[in-house]
Amino acid sequence: MDINAYIASGILELYVYGSLSEKESTEVYKILQEYPKAIKEVERIENALQQLSAAVAPNNSTELLYHKIEEQIKSSNTGDVIPITRKRSSLTTYIGWAASVALLIGLFIQFNKNQKLKQQLVTNQIEQTLLEGKINVAEEDLSKTKSLLNVLRNKDLIQVPLKAQKVDPTAFASVYWDKNKQMAYIDVAGLPTPPLGKVYQVWSLKLDPLTPTSMGILDKFNDDDTKIFILTNPNESEAFGITLEPEGGSESPNLEQLYTLGVVES
């Protein structure tokens, strides 16, 4: 810890003035146990307050002395009473008021400094949290990408290119089918973003007769940057197709919205 910066923050003044919460006071106490320089600063602040109290004290002593003498005269009852006029020191009064105002101004300034320091600490913590979040996301994406690359490089995978259909001549996709593990990796980076209320649905096809079986919908299309989705495929697929369907998917494919189609090479 930079103890000089800590002292300059004004928190020790607030500690001496009793303006900190119980938790904050406990934290300051721990700092005092560790840094002798902080203890000396607290002692300096306390001495300054004592001197301030002493500046106002003479006026209070005069008041107390007046009341004591007045009581003694009244109780003596000797006849003539000599009136005693209170004698105030205007200079002492002025010093007391000036010191009080200075103390209030100092407290206000230190309070503002402390609030700004706290706000800066909060801002730094938020920025640090966001940065850590970005790093975690980046690490997760990198890990996922490496895992996918290792899978797609498997020589036992059956690669099926899916070619564009008339609904969108620019579309393309690929299926990487692990027949032994009954898993299929669907690469749809070549498909346009589906419109609102629509999802892509992947189909496993038997060709004779034409029998489509849904493998699932790609409802997280916009959330996955890799655009590679993993679906189970226990079917004896002869071809794969991808159609655009209403949100939630359909029981049978809408061939008018068939975007890509590919046949498994025998």
Protein backbone atom coordinates (compact mmCIF):
# COMPACT_ATOMS: atom_id res chain seq x y z
CA MET A 1 0.00 0.00 0.00
CA ASP A 2 1.12 3.57 -0.73
CA ILE A 3 0.75 4.89 2.84
CA ASN A 4 1.41 8.49 1.76
CA ALA A 5 -1.48 8.38 -0.71
CA TYR A 6 -3.65 6.74 1.95
CA ILE A 7 -2.90 9.55 4.41
CA ALA A 8 -3.49 12.21 1.74
CA SER A 9 -6.95 10.75 1.00
CA GLY A 10 -8.32 12.28 4.22
CA ILE A 11 -9.67 9.04 5.65
CA LEU A 12 -7.61 9.41 8.85
CA GLU A 13 -9.27 12.77 9.55
CA LEU A 14 -12.69 11.14 9.15
CA TYR A 15 -11.53 8.35 11.46
CA VAL A 16 -10.54 10.83 14.20
CA TYR A 17 -13.76 12.84 13.70
CA GLY A 18 -15.81 9.64 14.06
CA SER A 19 -17.40 10.02 10.62
CA LEU A 20 -16.63 6.51 9.35
CA SER A 21 -18.83 3.44 9.51
CA GLU A 22 -17.94 0.61 11.87
CA LYS A 23 -16.52 -1.46 9.01
CA GLU A 24 -14.44 1.45 7.70
CA SER A 25 -13.14 2.24 11.21
CA THR A 26 -12.08 -1.40 11.63
CA GLU A 27 -10.17 -1.27 8.34
CA VAL A 28 -8.42 1.96 9.39
CA TYR A 29 -7.53 0.38 12.75
CA LYS A 30 -5.85 -2.51 10.93
CA ILE A 31 -3.84 -0.03 8.85
CA LEU A 32 -2.74 1.77 12.02
CA GLN A 33 -1.43 -1.49 13.46
CA GLU A 34 0.68 -2.04 10.37
CA TYR A 35 1.98 1.46 9.55
CA PRO A 36 3.61 3.60 12.30
CA LYS A 37 3.49 6.60 9.96
CA ALA A 38 -0.31 6.39 9.96
CA ILE A 39 -0.36 6.34 13.78
CA LYS A 40 1.79 9.51 13.88
CA GLU A 41 -0.64 11.20 11.47
CA VAL A 42 -3.59 10.28 13.71
CA GLU A 43 -1.72 11.70 16.73
CA ARG A 44 -1.04 14.89 14.78
CA ILE A 45 -4.73 15.26 13.94
CA GLU A 46 -5.75 14.63 17.56
CA ASN A 47 -3.25 17.25 18.81
CA ALA A 48 -4.63 19.77 16.33
CA LEU A 49 -8.13 19.15 17.68
CA GLN A 50 -6.91 19.55 21.25
CA GLN A 51 -5.32 22.89 20.36
CA LEU A 52 -8.57 23.93 18.74
CA SER A 53 -10.46 23.04 21.93
CA ALA A 54 -7.96 25.01 23.99
CA ALA A 55 -8.58 28.09 21.85
CA VAL A 56 -12.25 28.04 22.83
CA ALA A 57 -11.70 26.89 26.42
CA PRO A 58 -10.80 30.30 28.03
CA ASN A 59 -14.25 31.68 27.26
CA ASN A 60 -15.87 28.65 28.91
CA SER A 61 -13.56 29.03 31.95
CA THR A 62 -14.61 32.67 32.32
CA GLU A 63 -18.27 31.67 32.33
CA LEU A 64 -17.66 28.97 34.96
CA LEU A 65 -15.66 31.36 37.21
CA TYR A 66 -18.39 34.02 36.99
CA HIS A 67 -21.11 31.61 38.11
CA LYS A 68 -19.01 30.34 41.04
CA ILE A 69 -18.30 33.89 42.32
CA GLU A 70 -21.93 34.90 41.86
CA GLU A 71 -23.12 31.93 43.93
CA GLN A 72 -20.63 32.69 46.73
CA ILE A 73 -21.76 36.36 46.95
CA LYS A 74 -25.43 35.42 47.05
CA SER A 75 -24.87 32.84 49.78
CA SER A 76 -22.76 35.18 51.99
CA ASN A 77 -25.71 37.59 52.59
CA THR A 78 -23.48 40.31 54.15
CA GLY A 79 -25.61 43.23 53.06
CA ASP A 80 -24.16 45.24 50.23
CA VAL A 81 -23.53 43.26 47.15
CA ILE A 82 -20.93 44.40 44.71
CA PRO A 83 -22.14 43.62 41.18
CA ILE A 84 -19.63 41.83 39.04
CA THR A 85 -19.67 42.43 35.33
CA ARG A 86 -18.79 39.52 33.04
CA LYS A 87 -15.65 40.17 31.11
CA ARG A 88 -15.47 38.49 27.73
CA SER A 89 -12.49 38.39 25.48
CA SER A 90 -13.68 39.35 22.01
CA LEU A 91 -10.41 38.10 20.55
CA THR A 92 -10.83 34.67 22.15
CA THR A 93 -14.43 34.45 20.94
CA TYR A 94 -13.38 35.39 17.43
CA ILE A 95 -10.60 32.78 17.44
CA GLY A 96 -13.06 30.12 18.65
CA TRP A 97 -15.60 30.87 15.95
CA ALA A 98 -12.94 31.10 13.25
CA ALA A 99 -11.44 27.79 14.31
CA SER A 100 -14.87 26.14 14.30
CA VAL A 101 -15.62 27.41 10.80
CA ALA A 102 -12.20 26.28 9.62
CA LEU A 103 -12.85 22.85 11.10
CA LEU A 104 -16.21 22.58 9.31
CA ILE A 105 -14.67 23.65 6.01
CA GLY A 106 -11.86 21.16 6.48
CA LEU A 107 -14.32 18.36 7.27
CA PHE A 108 -16.38 19.21 4.18
CA ILE A 109 -13.32 19.22 1.92
CA GLN A 110 -12.02 15.95 3.32
CA PHE A 111 -15.47 14.38 3.04
CA ASN A 112 -15.66 15.34 -0.64
CA LYS A 113 -12.18 13.99 -1.24
CA ASN A 114 -13.13 10.75 0.49
CA GLN A 115 -16.33 10.44 -1.58
CA LYS A 116 -14.39 11.01 -4.82
CA LEU A 117 -11.84 8.42 -3.70
CA LYS A 118 -14.61 5.89 -3.01
CA GLN A 119 -16.24 6.63 -6.38
CA GLN A 120 -12.92 6.15 -8.15
CA LEU A 121 -12.39 2.85 -6.35
CA VAL A 122 -15.87 1.68 -7.40
CA THR A 123 -15.21 2.74 -11.00
CA ASN A 124 -11.89 0.88 -11.00
CA GLN A 125 -13.55 -2.23 -9.60
CA ILE A 126 -16.25 -2.13 -12.31
CA GLU A 127 -13.63 -1.69 -15.05
CA GLN A 128 -11.58 -4.54 -13.59
CA THR A 129 -14.66 -6.80 -13.47
CA LEU A 130 -15.54 -6.01 -17.09
CA LEU A 131 -11.95 -6.63 -18.16
CA GLU A 132 -11.86 -9.97 -16.34
CA GLY A 133 -15.19 -10.86 -17.94
CA LYS A 134 -13.84 -10.12 -21.42
CA ILE A 135 -10.72 -12.16 -20.71
CA ASN A 136 -12.82 -15.10 -19.48
CA VAL A 137 -15.05 -14.93 -22.56
CA ALA A 138 -12.00 -14.78 -24.83
CA GLU A 139 -10.44 -17.78 -23.08
CA GLU A 140 -13.71 -19.72 -23.33
CA ASP A 141 -14.03 -18.92 -27.05
CA LEU A 142 -10.42 -19.94 -27.65
CA SER A 143 -10.91 -23.21 -25.76
CA LYS A 144 -14.13 -23.95 -27.67
CA THR A 145 -12.45 -23.19 -31.00
CA LYS A 146 -9.52 -25.49 -30.21
CA SER A 147 -11.90 -28.28 -29.19
CA LEU A 148 -13.90 -27.91 -32.40
CA LEU A 149 -10.75 -27.92 -34.53
CA ASN A 150 -9.58 -31.13 -32.86
CA VAL A 151 -12.97 -32.72 -33.55
CA LEU A 152 -13.19 -31.57 -37.17
CA ARG A 153 -9.69 -32.88 -37.89
CA ASN A 154 -10.81 -36.38 -36.95
CA LYS A 155 -10.21 -38.56 -40.05
CA ASP A 156 -13.22 -40.73 -39.21
CA LEU A 157 -15.68 -37.84 -39.69
CA ILE A 158 -17.88 -37.92 -42.76
CA GLN A 159 -17.89 -34.48 -44.35
CA VAL A 160 -21.03 -33.55 -46.28
CA PRO A 161 -21.02 -30.19 -48.13
CA LEU A 162 -24.51 -28.64 -48.30
CA LYS A 163 -25.04 -26.68 -51.50
CA ALA A 164 -27.22 -23.61 -52.00
CA GLN A 165 -30.80 -23.90 -53.21
CA LYS A 166 -32.91 -21.47 -55.21
CA VAL A 167 -34.23 -19.57 -52.15
CA ASP A 168 -30.70 -18.20 -51.63
CA PRO A 169 -28.02 -19.02 -54.26
CA THR A 170 -25.25 -17.63 -52.02
CA ALA A 171 -25.95 -19.89 -49.04
CA PHE A 172 -23.73 -22.83 -48.07
CA ALA A 173 -23.13 -25.09 -45.08
CA SER A 174 -21.33 -28.28 -44.06
CA VAL A 175 -22.11 -31.29 -41.89
CA TYR A 176 -19.32 -33.22 -40.14
CA TRP A 177 -20.88 -36.52 -39.11
CA ASP A 178 -19.32 -38.82 -36.52
CA LYS A 179 -21.33 -41.92 -37.35
CA ASN A 180 -19.79 -44.02 -34.57
CA LYS A 181 -20.60 -41.49 -31.82
CA GLN A 182 -23.90 -40.48 -33.50
CA MET A 183 -22.92 -36.81 -33.39
CA ALA A 184 -23.10 -34.20 -36.14
CA TYR A 185 -21.29 -30.85 -36.27
CA ILE A 186 -23.27 -28.35 -38.38
CA ASP A 187 -21.23 -25.46 -39.81
CA VAL A 188 -23.68 -22.74 -40.90
CA ALA A 189 -21.32 -19.78 -41.24
CA GLY A 190 -22.51 -19.49 -44.86
CA LEU A 191 -26.17 -18.94 -43.94
CA PRO A 192 -27.70 -15.47 -43.55
CA THR A 193 -29.03 -14.36 -40.17
CA PRO A 194 -32.60 -15.67 -39.85
CA PRO A 195 -35.35 -13.05 -39.66
CA LEU A 196 -37.21 -12.37 -36.43
CA GLY A 197 -39.54 -15.23 -35.52
CA LYS A 198 -37.71 -17.74 -37.73
CA VAL A 199 -35.10 -20.45 -37.03
CA TYR A 200 -33.03 -22.83 -39.10
CA GLN A 201 -33.91 -26.51 -38.73
CA VAL A 202 -31.57 -29.37 -39.68
CA TRP A 203 -32.96 -32.53 -41.28
CA SER A 204 -31.62 -36.04 -41.74
CA LEU A 205 -33.00 -37.48 -44.99
CA LYS A 206 -33.67 -40.96 -46.39
CA LEU A 207 -33.97 -40.60 -50.15
CA ASP A 208 -36.11 -43.52 -51.34
CA PRO A 209 -38.75 -42.87 -50.32
CA LEU A 210 -37.96 -39.31 -49.18
CA THR A 211 -38.21 -39.44 -45.37
CA PRO A 212 -37.11 -36.36 -43.34
CA THR A 213 -36.23 -36.61 -39.65
CA SER A 214 -35.58 -33.47 -37.61
CA MET A 215 -32.18 -33.32 -35.94
CA GLY A 216 -32.97 -30.04 -34.15
CA ILE A 217 -33.26 -26.30 -34.53
CA LEU A 218 -30.47 -23.70 -34.41
CA ASP A 219 -32.25 -21.29 -32.08
CA LYS A 220 -28.95 -19.84 -30.77
CA PHE A 221 -27.77 -18.78 -34.21
CA ASN A 222 -27.09 -15.16 -33.22
CA ASP A 223 -25.37 -16.08 -29.93
CA ASP A 224 -22.72 -18.42 -31.34
CA ASP A 225 -19.83 -16.65 -33.06
CA THR A 226 -18.34 -19.88 -34.41
CA LYS A 227 -21.66 -20.79 -36.13
CA ILE A 228 -20.90 -24.48 -35.49
CA PHE A 229 -23.65 -26.38 -33.71
CA ILE A 230 -23.52 -29.90 -32.28
CA LEU A 231 -26.58 -32.13 -32.78
CA THR A 232 -27.17 -35.82 -32.15
CA ASN A 233 -27.81 -37.97 -35.21
CA PRO A 234 -28.63 -41.64 -34.60
CA ASN A 235 -30.22 -41.88 -38.07
CA GLU A 236 -28.99 -43.77 -41.11
CA SER A 237 -28.70 -40.53 -43.03
CA GLU A 238 -28.39 -40.49 -46.80
CA ALA A 239 -28.56 -36.70 -47.08
CA PHE A 240 -28.85 -33.54 -44.95
CA GLY A 241 -30.88 -30.40 -45.49
CA ILE A 242 -31.43 -27.11 -43.71
CA THR A 243 -34.71 -25.20 -43.94
CA LEU A 244 -36.00 -21.95 -42.49
CA GLU A 245 -38.96 -22.65 -40.18
CA PRO A 246 -41.19 -20.77 -37.74
CA GLU A 247 -39.75 -20.26 -34.25
CA GLY A 248 -39.87 -23.56 -32.37
CA GLY A 249 -39.44 -25.69 -35.51
CA SER A 250 -41.77 -27.79 -37.66
CA GLU A 251 -42.78 -31.46 -37.85
CA SER A 252 -41.94 -31.58 -41.55
CA PRO A 253 -39.62 -29.37 -43.64
CA ASN A 254 -40.89 -26.43 -45.66
CA LEU A 255 -39.23 -27.21 -49.00
CA GLU A 256 -39.98 -23.73 -50.28
CA GLN A 257 -37.57 -22.49 -47.59
CA LEU A 258 -34.88 -25.11 -48.27
CA TYR A 259 -31.59 -23.21 -48.03
CA THR A 260 -28.99 -25.98 -48.37
CA LEU A 261 -28.94 -29.66 -49.32
CA GLY A 262 -26.17 -32.28 -49.53
CA VAL A 263 -25.96 -36.01 -50.17
CA VAL A 264 -23.77 -38.40 -48.17
CA GLU A 265 -21.26 -40.02 -50.51
CA SER A 266 -21.38 -43.79 -50.34
